[in-house]
Amino acid sequence: MLTNKIRHFIINKLTWALSITHNGFIIRPIIFLIGLFI
């Protein structure tokens, strides 16, 4: 039970971190490029 909670916690943190970095690496350059063209 304890290892299950820890595993769930780690997976949550990993997916959260991945979504943050994914948004940072994908969306920011797009916004930057749009800003150049506008």
C-alpha atoms as a PDB file:
ATOM      1  CA  MET A   1       0.000   0.000   0.000  1.00  0.00           C
ATOM      2  CA  LEU A   2       2.768   2.412   0.914  1.00  0.00           C
ATOM      3  CA  THR A   3       4.796   1.651  -2.212  1.00  0.00           C
ATOM      4  CA  ASN A   4       1.621   2.061  -4.276  1.00  0.00           C
ATOM      5  CA  LYS A   5       1.088   5.559  -2.861  1.00  0.00           C
ATOM      6  CA  ILE A   6       4.720   6.470  -3.463  1.00  0.00           C
ATOM      7  CA  ARG A   7       4.560   5.162  -7.029  1.00  0.00           C
ATOM      8  CA  HIS A   8       1.362   7.121  -7.658  1.00  0.00           C
ATOM      9  CA  PHE A   9       2.939  10.270  -6.189  1.00  0.00           C
ATOM     10  CA  ILE A  10       6.071   9.914  -8.339  1.00  0.00           C
ATOM     11  CA  ILE A  11       4.032   9.303 -11.495  1.00  0.00           C
ATOM     12  CA  ASN A  12       1.913  12.369 -10.750  1.00  0.00           C
ATOM     13  CA  LYS A  13       5.007  14.517 -10.276  1.00  0.00           C
ATOM     14  CA  LEU A  14       6.626  13.167 -13.438  1.00  0.00           C
ATOM     15  CA  THR A  15       3.563  13.770 -15.603  1.00  0.00           C
ATOM     16  CA  TRP A  16       3.187  17.243 -14.067  1.00  0.00           C
ATOM     17  CA  ALA A  17       6.826  18.087 -14.761  1.00  0.00           C
ATOM     18  CA  LEU A  18       6.588  16.687 -18.290  1.00  0.00           C
ATOM     19  CA  SER A  19       3.468  18.715 -19.048  1.00  0.00           C
ATOM     20  CA  ILE A  20       5.158  21.869 -17.707  1.00  0.00           C
ATOM     21  CA  THR A  21       8.321  21.376 -19.767  1.00  0.00           C
ATOM     22  CA  HIS A  22       6.266  20.333 -22.806  1.00  0.00           C
ATOM     23  CA  ASN A  23       4.230  23.528 -22.586  1.00  0.00           C
ATOM     24  CA  GLY A  24       7.384  25.561 -22.043  1.00  0.00           C
ATOM     25  CA  PHE A  25       9.253  24.082 -24.995  1.00  0.00           C
ATOM     26  CA  ILE A  26       6.333  23.944 -27.432  1.00  0.00           C
ATOM     27  CA  ILE A  27       4.093  26.902 -26.657  1.00  0.00           C
ATOM     28  CA  ARG A  28       6.699  29.579 -25.876  1.00  0.00           C
ATOM     29  CA  PRO A  29       8.550  29.345 -29.240  1.00  0.00           C
ATOM     30  CA  ILE A  30       5.169  29.426 -31.023  1.00  0.00           C
ATOM     31  CA  ILE A  31       4.179  32.565 -29.106  1.00  0.00           C
ATOM     32  CA  PHE A  32       7.598  34.042 -29.888  1.00  0.00           C
ATOM     33  CA  LEU A  33       7.219  33.296 -33.615  1.00  0.00           C
ATOM     34  CA  ILE A  34       3.685  34.697 -33.673  1.00  0.00           C
ATOM     35  CA  GLY A  35       5.011  37.805 -31.938  1.00  0.00           C
ATOM     36  CA  LEU A  36       7.634  38.181 -34.683  1.00  0.00           C
ATOM     37  CA  PHE A  37       5.054  37.978 -37.452  1.00  0.00           C
ATOM     38  CA  ILE A  38       2.475  40.280 -35.849  1.00  0.00           C
END
